Amino acid sequence: YLQALAIDEKNNDSYGQALNKLELASIYLASGEYGKAIQYYKETLYFNPAIALVGLGNSYLFLDNTPKAIDLYQQSLEEARKNEDKEAEANALNNLAKVLY
């Protein structure tokens, strides 16, 4: 994804950049590199706020910052509802349920 990101940056392909950054953020999150995950999720907020906000919430949850995670999940829920994105809405609600349970 880093190589693809470099190519997309060279070609000014903002869509490709955003997709690759989301993938990189997920990889960094899964590998425990939360700082890098947060960086990439923040860089994709313009592209898909609902997904990026959930990713940020997950990152902060792993960093034991539950209040921040809850806030980000709620923001994701608002974005999903604003955009009538049922899948993102369900994802945000699922994450809220897990953290509040």
N, C-alpha and C. Protein backbone atom coordinates (compact mmCIF):
# COMPACT_ATOMS: atom_id res chain seq x y z
N TYR A 1 0.82 -1.20 0.00
CA TYR A 1 0.00 0.00 0.00
C TYR A 1 0.86 1.26 0.00
N LEU A 2 2.03 1.18 0.62
CA LEU A 2 2.92 2.34 0.60
C LEU A 2 3.39 2.64 -0.81
N GLN A 3 3.69 1.60 -1.58
CA GLN A 3 4.11 1.80 -2.97
C GLN A 3 2.96 2.37 -3.80
N ALA A 4 1.78 1.83 -3.59
CA ALA A 4 0.61 2.33 -4.32
C ALA A 4 0.32 3.78 -3.94
N LEU A 5 0.48 4.10 -2.66
CA LEU A 5 0.27 5.46 -2.20
C LEU A 5 1.25 6.41 -2.87
N ALA A 6 2.49 6.01 -2.97
CA ALA A 6 3.50 6.85 -3.63
C ALA A 6 3.14 7.10 -5.09
N ILE A 7 2.65 6.07 -5.76
CA ILE A 7 2.24 6.23 -7.17
C ILE A 7 1.04 7.16 -7.27
N ASP A 8 0.06 6.97 -6.39
CA ASP A 8 -1.13 7.82 -6.41
C ASP A 8 -0.77 9.28 -6.10
N GLU A 9 0.17 9.48 -5.19
CA GLU A 9 0.60 10.85 -4.88
C GLU A 9 1.28 11.48 -6.09
N LYS A 10 2.12 10.71 -6.77
CA LYS A 10 2.81 11.20 -7.96
C LYS A 10 1.82 11.57 -9.06
N ASN A 11 0.74 10.80 -9.16
CA ASN A 11 -0.28 11.03 -10.19
C ASN A 11 -1.41 11.94 -9.72
N ASN A 12 -1.29 12.49 -8.51
CA ASN A 12 -2.33 13.35 -7.95
C ASN A 12 -3.70 12.67 -7.93
N ASP A 13 -3.70 11.39 -7.63
CA ASP A 13 -4.93 10.61 -7.55
C ASP A 13 -5.43 10.62 -6.11
N SER A 14 -6.27 11.58 -5.78
CA SER A 14 -6.72 11.74 -4.40
C SER A 14 -7.59 10.56 -3.93
N TYR A 15 -8.38 10.01 -4.83
CA TYR A 15 -9.21 8.85 -4.49
C TYR A 15 -8.32 7.66 -4.11
N GLY A 16 -7.35 7.37 -4.94
CA GLY A 16 -6.43 6.27 -4.67
C GLY A 16 -5.64 6.50 -3.40
N GLN A 17 -5.23 7.73 -3.18
CA GLN A 17 -4.49 8.06 -1.96
C GLN A 17 -5.34 7.76 -0.72
N ALA A 18 -6.58 8.19 -0.77
CA ALA A 18 -7.47 7.99 0.38
C ALA A 18 -7.69 6.50 0.64
N LEU A 19 -7.94 5.74 -0.40
CA LEU A 19 -8.14 4.29 -0.22
C LEU A 19 -6.92 3.62 0.38
N ASN A 20 -5.74 3.97 -0.13
CA ASN A 20 -4.51 3.38 0.37
C ASN A 20 -4.24 3.80 1.81
N LYS A 21 -4.55 5.04 2.14
CA LYS A 21 -4.35 5.51 3.52
C LYS A 21 -5.29 4.80 4.48
N LEU A 22 -6.52 4.53 4.05
CA LEU A 22 -7.45 3.77 4.90
C LEU A 22 -6.92 2.35 5.13
N GLU A 23 -6.40 1.74 4.08
CA GLU A 23 -5.84 0.39 4.22
C GLU A 23 -4.63 0.40 5.13
N LEU A 24 -3.76 1.39 4.95
CA LEU A 24 -2.58 1.49 5.81
C LEU A 24 -2.98 1.71 7.27
N ALA A 25 -3.97 2.56 7.49
CA ALA A 25 -4.43 2.80 8.85
C ALA A 25 -4.92 1.51 9.49
N SER A 26 -5.66 0.72 8.75
CA SER A 26 -6.17 -0.57 9.27
C SER A 26 -5.02 -1.51 9.60
N ILE A 27 -4.01 -1.54 8.76
CA ILE A 27 -2.86 -2.41 8.99
C ILE A 27 -2.10 -1.96 10.24
N TYR A 28 -1.88 -0.66 10.35
CA TYR A 28 -1.17 -0.15 11.52
C TYR A 28 -1.97 -0.39 12.80
N LEU A 29 -3.27 -0.25 12.72
CA LEU A 29 -4.12 -0.51 13.88
C LEU A 29 -3.98 -1.97 14.31
N ALA A 30 -4.08 -2.88 13.34
CA ALA A 30 -3.99 -4.31 13.64
C ALA A 30 -2.62 -4.71 14.17
N SER A 31 -1.59 -3.99 13.77
CA SER A 31 -0.23 -4.33 14.21
C SER A 31 0.18 -3.59 15.48
N GLY A 32 -0.74 -2.80 16.03
CA GLY A 32 -0.46 -2.12 17.29
C GLY A 32 0.28 -0.81 17.15
N GLU A 33 0.41 -0.32 15.94
CA GLU A 33 1.09 0.97 15.71
C GLU A 33 0.03 2.06 15.66
N TYR A 34 -0.50 2.37 16.83
CA TYR A 34 -1.67 3.24 16.94
C TYR A 34 -1.40 4.67 16.49
N GLY A 35 -0.22 5.18 16.72
CA GLY A 35 0.12 6.53 16.29
C GLY A 35 0.04 6.67 14.78
N LYS A 36 0.59 5.69 14.07
CA LYS A 36 0.54 5.71 12.61
C LYS A 36 -0.89 5.52 12.12
N ALA A 37 -1.65 4.65 12.79
CA ALA A 37 -3.05 4.44 12.41
C ALA A 37 -3.82 5.75 12.54
N ILE A 38 -3.63 6.43 13.66
CA ILE A 38 -4.31 7.70 13.89
C ILE A 38 -3.94 8.71 12.82
N GLN A 39 -2.68 8.77 12.48
CA GLN A 39 -2.22 9.71 11.44
C GLN A 39 -2.96 9.48 10.12
N TYR A 40 -3.00 8.22 9.69
CA TYR A 40 -3.64 7.93 8.41
C TYR A 40 -5.16 8.10 8.47
N TYR A 41 -5.77 7.72 9.58
CA TYR A 41 -7.22 7.93 9.68
C TYR A 41 -7.55 9.43 9.63
N LYS A 42 -6.75 10.24 10.29
CA LYS A 42 -7.00 11.69 10.26
C LYS A 42 -6.86 12.24 8.85
N GLU A 43 -5.93 11.68 8.09
CA GLU A 43 -5.71 12.15 6.71
C GLU A 43 -6.83 11.73 5.77
N THR A 44 -7.70 10.82 6.21
CA THR A 44 -8.80 10.37 5.34
C THR A 44 -10.17 10.87 5.80
N LEU A 45 -10.18 11.76 6.78
CA LEU A 45 -11.46 12.28 7.27
C LEU A 45 -12.27 12.95 6.16
N TYR A 46 -11.61 13.60 5.24
CA TYR A 46 -12.29 14.29 4.14
C TYR A 46 -12.94 13.30 3.17
N PHE A 47 -12.37 12.10 3.09
CA PHE A 47 -12.80 11.13 2.09
C PHE A 47 -14.02 10.34 2.56
N ASN A 48 -13.93 9.76 3.73
CA ASN A 48 -15.04 8.99 4.28
C ASN A 48 -15.04 9.18 5.79
N PRO A 49 -15.65 10.27 6.25
CA PRO A 49 -15.60 10.59 7.68
C PRO A 49 -16.10 9.46 8.59
N ALA A 50 -17.18 8.80 8.21
CA ALA A 50 -17.75 7.77 9.08
C ALA A 50 -16.75 6.64 9.32
N ILE A 51 -16.09 6.18 8.28
CA ILE A 51 -15.12 5.09 8.42
C ILE A 51 -13.88 5.57 9.17
N ALA A 52 -13.40 6.75 8.82
CA ALA A 52 -12.21 7.29 9.48
C ALA A 52 -12.46 7.52 10.97
N LEU A 53 -13.63 8.02 11.31
CA LEU A 53 -13.94 8.28 12.72
C LEU A 53 -14.03 7.00 13.53
N VAL A 54 -14.59 5.94 12.95
CA VAL A 54 -14.63 4.65 13.64
C VAL A 54 -13.21 4.14 13.83
N GLY A 55 -12.39 4.26 12.79
CA GLY A 55 -11.00 3.83 12.91
C GLY A 55 -10.26 4.60 13.99
N LEU A 56 -10.49 5.89 14.04
CA LEU A 56 -9.88 6.70 15.09
C LEU A 56 -10.39 6.25 16.47
N GLY A 57 -11.68 6.00 16.56
CA GLY A 57 -12.25 5.52 17.81
C GLY A 57 -11.61 4.22 18.26
N ASN A 58 -11.44 3.30 17.31
CA ASN A 58 -10.79 2.02 17.64
C ASN A 58 -9.36 2.24 18.12
N SER A 59 -8.66 3.15 17.46
CA SER A 59 -7.27 3.44 17.84
C SER A 59 -7.21 3.96 19.27
N TYR A 60 -8.08 4.92 19.58
CA TYR A 60 -8.07 5.48 20.93
C TYR A 60 -8.55 4.47 21.97
N LEU A 61 -9.44 3.58 21.58
CA LEU A 61 -9.88 2.53 22.50
C LEU A 61 -8.70 1.63 22.87
N PHE A 62 -7.88 1.28 21.88
CA PHE A 62 -6.70 0.47 22.14
C PHE A 62 -5.67 1.22 22.99
N LEU A 63 -5.72 2.52 22.93
CA LEU A 63 -4.83 3.34 23.77
C LEU A 63 -5.44 3.61 25.15
N ASP A 64 -6.52 2.91 25.46
CA ASP A 64 -7.23 3.03 26.74
C ASP A 64 -7.81 4.42 26.98
N ASN A 65 -8.19 5.09 25.90
CA ASN A 65 -8.86 6.39 26.03
C ASN A 65 -10.32 6.19 25.62
N THR A 66 -11.07 5.53 26.49
CA THR A 66 -12.46 5.19 26.20
C THR A 66 -13.34 6.41 25.95
N PRO A 67 -13.23 7.49 26.74
CA PRO A 67 -14.08 8.66 26.47
C PRO A 67 -13.87 9.23 25.07
N LYS A 68 -12.62 9.27 24.62
CA LYS A 68 -12.31 9.78 23.27
C LYS A 68 -12.90 8.83 22.22
N ALA A 69 -12.78 7.52 22.46
CA ALA A 69 -13.32 6.54 21.52
C ALA A 69 -14.83 6.70 21.39
N ILE A 70 -15.52 6.86 22.52
CA ILE A 70 -16.97 7.03 22.50
C ILE A 70 -17.35 8.27 21.71
N ASP A 71 -16.64 9.36 21.95
CA ASP A 71 -16.91 10.60 21.22
C ASP A 71 -16.74 10.41 19.72
N LEU A 72 -15.69 9.73 19.32
CA LEU A 72 -15.44 9.51 17.90
C LEU A 72 -16.49 8.58 17.29
N TYR A 73 -16.91 7.55 18.02
CA TYR A 73 -17.98 6.67 17.53
C TYR A 73 -19.28 7.45 17.35
N GLN A 74 -19.57 8.36 18.28
CA GLN A 74 -20.79 9.17 18.17
C GLN A 74 -20.71 10.11 16.97
N GLN A 75 -19.53 10.67 16.74
CA GLN A 75 -19.35 11.52 15.56
C GLN A 75 -19.54 10.70 14.28
N SER A 76 -19.02 9.48 14.28
CA SER A 76 -19.19 8.60 13.13
C SER A 76 -20.67 8.31 12.88
N LEU A 77 -21.40 8.06 13.96
CA LEU A 77 -22.83 7.80 13.85
C LEU A 77 -23.55 9.00 13.24
N GLU A 78 -23.21 10.19 13.68
CA GLU A 78 -23.82 11.41 13.13
C GLU A 78 -23.52 11.55 11.64
N GLU A 79 -22.29 11.31 11.25
CA GLU A 79 -21.91 11.39 9.84
C GLU A 79 -22.67 10.36 9.01
N ALA A 80 -22.75 9.15 9.53
CA ALA A 80 -23.44 8.08 8.80
C ALA A 80 -24.91 8.43 8.60
N ARG A 81 -25.53 8.93 9.64
CA ARG A 81 -26.95 9.30 9.53
C ARG A 81 -27.15 10.48 8.60
N LYS A 82 -26.23 11.44 8.67
CA LYS A 82 -26.32 12.60 7.79
C LYS A 82 -26.24 12.19 6.32
N ASN A 83 -25.40 11.18 6.04
CA ASN A 83 -25.21 10.71 4.66
C ASN A 83 -26.10 9.53 4.30
N GLU A 84 -27.00 9.17 5.22
CA GLU A 84 -27.91 8.04 5.02
C GLU A 84 -27.17 6.76 4.62
N ASP A 85 -26.04 6.53 5.29
CA ASP A 85 -25.20 5.37 5.06
C ASP A 85 -25.52 4.33 6.14
N LYS A 86 -26.40 3.41 5.80
CA LYS A 86 -26.89 2.42 6.77
C LYS A 86 -25.77 1.49 7.27
N GLU A 87 -24.87 1.12 6.40
CA GLU A 87 -23.77 0.24 6.80
C GLU A 87 -22.86 0.94 7.81
N ALA A 88 -22.51 2.18 7.53
CA ALA A 88 -21.67 2.95 8.46
C ALA A 88 -22.40 3.22 9.76
N GLU A 89 -23.71 3.44 9.67
CA GLU A 89 -24.52 3.65 10.88
C GLU A 89 -24.49 2.41 11.76
N ALA A 90 -24.68 1.25 11.15
CA ALA A 90 -24.65 0.00 11.90
C ALA A 90 -23.27 -0.23 12.52
N ASN A 91 -22.23 0.08 11.78
CA ASN A 91 -20.87 -0.07 12.28
C ASN A 91 -20.63 0.82 13.50
N ALA A 92 -21.05 2.07 13.41
CA ALA A 92 -20.88 3.00 14.53
C ALA A 92 -21.67 2.53 15.75
N LEU A 93 -22.91 2.11 15.53
CA LEU A 93 -23.74 1.62 16.63
C LEU A 93 -23.14 0.37 17.27
N ASN A 94 -22.61 -0.51 16.45
CA ASN A 94 -21.98 -1.72 16.95
C ASN A 94 -20.78 -1.37 17.84
N ASN A 95 -19.97 -0.44 17.39
CA ASN A 95 -18.80 -0.05 18.18
C ASN A 95 -19.22 0.63 19.49
N LEU A 96 -20.24 1.47 19.41
CA LEU A 96 -20.74 2.10 20.64
C LEU A 96 -21.26 1.05 21.61
N ALA A 97 -22.00 0.09 21.11
CA ALA A 97 -22.55 -0.96 21.97
C ALA A 97 -21.44 -1.75 22.66
N LYS A 98 -20.40 -2.07 21.92
CA LYS A 98 -19.29 -2.84 22.49
C LYS A 98 -18.59 -2.07 23.60
N VAL A 99 -18.39 -0.78 23.39
CA VAL A 99 -17.63 -0.01 24.37
C VAL A 99 -18.49 0.37 25.58
N LEU A 100 -19.79 0.51 25.38
CA LEU A 100 -20.67 0.90 26.47
C LEU A 100 -21.19 -0.29 27.27
N TYR A 101 -21.06 -1.49 26.70
CA TYR A 101 -21.56 -2.69 27.36
C TYR A 101 -20.61 -3.06 28.43
